[in-house]
Amino acid sequence: MIHKIHHVAIAVRSLDEALRFYRDTLGLPVHEQAVREDQGVKAALLTIGESEIELLEPLGPDTPIGRFLERRGEGIHHICLQTGDIDKELTDLKAKGVELIDQEPRQGLAGRICFLHPRSTKGVLVELAQPPE
């Protein structure tokens, strides 16, 4: 079952520059920050109410976020929906014929994550996340 919007992710050219706006200007606290070599990003999660904003800076131009920035520029990259059981969600979505990017959950900044293909979600990249307990 989907519980809420966990975060909205924004692709940025510079995490430090983006933090100056979201953290310093808007006053949003940084919940977590990390370099995810396996995903090719420097990322930060900022808390806003019961949800978060994720800022994603590519580690290079040949990463998914690097290619996104080249094609589309800075802006919203994906929406993440929180679930309590990502394995069940994936099984149910597969049975319903939803096209998946990730066939199995993997570790991400928001916990165990997987992505659904925009062809199945009306053009929006959707991430599912099961945060750690």
Protein backbone atom coordinates (compact mmCIF):
# COMPACT_ATOMS: atom_id res chain seq x y z
CA MET A 1 0.00 0.00 0.00
CA ILE A 2 1.23 3.47 -0.87
CA HIS A 3 1.30 5.68 2.24
CA LYS A 4 2.37 9.12 1.05
CA ILE A 5 4.67 11.12 -1.18
CA HIS A 6 8.08 10.44 0.31
CA HIS A 7 9.93 13.03 -1.76
CA VAL A 8 10.13 14.98 -4.96
CA ALA A 9 13.57 14.76 -6.58
CA ILE A 10 15.19 17.69 -8.35
CA ALA A 11 18.17 17.32 -10.70
CA VAL A 12 20.72 20.10 -10.12
CA ARG A 13 24.09 20.98 -11.60
CA SER A 14 25.55 21.89 -8.18
CA LEU A 15 24.37 20.43 -4.89
CA ASP A 16 26.13 23.17 -2.95
CA GLU A 17 24.38 25.87 -4.97
CA ALA A 18 21.00 24.16 -4.60
CA LEU A 19 21.52 23.81 -0.84
CA ARG A 20 22.12 27.55 -0.59
CA PHE A 21 18.54 28.03 -1.80
CA TYR A 22 16.64 25.10 -0.25
CA ARG A 23 18.54 24.92 3.06
CA ASP A 24 19.84 28.45 3.58
CA THR A 25 17.12 30.58 1.95
CA LEU A 26 14.04 28.43 2.59
CA GLY A 27 15.32 27.06 5.90
CA LEU A 28 14.69 23.37 5.12
CA PRO A 29 16.83 21.09 7.28
CA VAL A 30 19.06 18.50 5.62
CA HIS A 31 17.88 15.07 6.79
CA GLU A 32 20.58 13.08 5.02
CA GLN A 33 23.38 13.71 2.55
CA ALA A 34 25.55 11.15 0.73
CA VAL A 35 27.51 10.28 -2.38
CA ARG A 36 25.93 7.26 -4.08
CA GLU A 37 28.64 5.97 -6.44
CA ASP A 38 26.36 3.10 -7.52
CA GLN A 39 23.79 5.64 -8.74
CA GLY A 40 26.26 8.25 -9.94
CA VAL A 41 25.01 11.08 -7.70
CA LYS A 42 25.71 13.35 -4.78
CA ALA A 43 22.36 13.63 -3.03
CA ALA A 44 20.70 15.41 -0.14
CA LEU A 45 17.28 14.88 1.43
CA LEU A 46 15.70 17.97 3.01
CA THR A 47 12.68 17.67 5.29
CA ILE A 48 9.51 19.61 4.50
CA GLY A 49 6.58 18.66 6.71
CA GLU A 50 6.06 14.90 6.49
CA SER A 51 7.78 14.70 3.10
CA GLU A 52 11.16 15.56 1.67
CA ILE A 53 12.87 17.19 -1.28
CA GLU A 54 15.79 15.27 -2.77
CA LEU A 55 18.50 17.18 -4.60
CA LEU A 56 20.55 15.17 -7.09
CA GLU A 57 23.89 16.30 -8.58
CA PRO A 58 25.50 13.98 -11.14
CA LEU A 59 28.98 12.61 -10.51
CA GLY A 60 29.61 12.88 -14.24
CA PRO A 61 27.95 13.56 -17.60
CA ASP A 62 27.54 9.85 -18.41
CA THR A 63 25.35 9.13 -15.35
CA PRO A 64 21.53 9.04 -15.47
CA ILE A 65 21.26 12.47 -13.81
CA GLY A 66 24.07 13.83 -16.00
CA ARG A 67 22.20 12.73 -19.14
CA PHE A 68 18.93 14.11 -17.73
CA LEU A 69 20.53 17.53 -17.16
CA GLU A 70 22.00 17.53 -20.67
CA ARG A 71 18.61 16.78 -22.26
CA ARG A 72 16.27 18.74 -20.00
CA GLY A 73 18.23 21.01 -17.71
CA GLU A 74 17.66 21.44 -14.00
CA GLY A 75 14.26 20.61 -12.59
CA ILE A 76 11.98 17.90 -11.28
CA HIS A 77 13.40 14.46 -12.00
CA HIS A 78 11.00 12.07 -10.24
CA ILE A 79 8.37 11.62 -7.56
CA CYS A 80 8.86 9.03 -4.84
CA LEU A 81 5.98 7.21 -3.16
CA GLN A 82 6.47 5.56 0.22
CA THR A 83 5.36 2.01 0.88
CA GLY A 84 5.63 -0.28 3.88
CA ASP A 85 6.30 -3.37 1.73
CA ILE A 86 8.23 -2.68 -1.46
CA ASP A 87 8.51 -6.39 -2.33
CA LYS A 88 4.72 -6.81 -2.32
CA GLU A 89 4.28 -3.58 -4.32
CA LEU A 90 6.69 -4.81 -6.99
CA THR A 91 4.98 -8.21 -7.19
CA ASP A 92 1.55 -6.56 -7.51
CA LEU A 93 2.77 -4.06 -10.12
CA LYS A 94 4.40 -6.80 -12.20
CA ALA A 95 1.13 -8.77 -12.10
CA LYS A 96 -0.72 -5.67 -13.32
CA GLY A 97 1.66 -5.30 -16.28
CA VAL A 98 3.43 -2.16 -15.09
CA GLU A 99 6.77 -1.68 -16.85
CA LEU A 100 9.58 -1.57 -14.31
CA ILE A 101 13.07 -0.11 -14.51
CA ASP A 102 14.19 -2.10 -11.45
CA GLN A 103 13.04 -5.72 -11.29
CA GLU A 104 14.19 -5.97 -7.66
CA PRO A 105 14.52 -3.34 -4.91
CA ARG A 106 17.97 -1.85 -4.33
CA GLN A 107 19.46 0.36 -1.65
CA GLY A 108 19.05 4.10 -2.08
CA LEU A 109 19.20 7.24 0.02
CA ALA A 110 15.51 6.84 0.98
CA GLY A 111 15.87 3.15 1.95
CA ARG A 112 15.00 0.22 -0.33
CA ILE A 113 13.95 1.68 -3.66
CA CYS A 114 12.85 0.80 -7.19
CA PHE A 115 11.79 2.79 -10.23
CA LEU A 116 8.77 2.40 -12.49
CA HIS A 117 9.16 3.24 -16.16
CA PRO A 118 7.52 6.52 -17.30
CA ARG A 119 5.81 4.63 -20.15
CA SER A 120 3.59 3.01 -17.50
CA THR A 121 3.07 6.12 -15.38
CA LYS A 122 1.84 8.71 -17.88
CA GLY A 123 5.28 10.17 -18.50
CA VAL A 124 6.41 10.58 -14.88
CA LEU A 125 9.43 8.75 -13.47
CA VAL A 126 8.06 7.18 -10.27
CA GLU A 127 10.20 5.75 -7.50
CA LEU A 128 8.90 3.54 -4.72
CA ALA A 129 10.72 3.63 -1.39
CA GLN A 130 10.55 1.62 1.80
CA PRO A 131 12.47 3.69 4.36
CA PRO A 132 14.40 1.88 7.10
CA GLU A 133 12.43 1.22 10.28
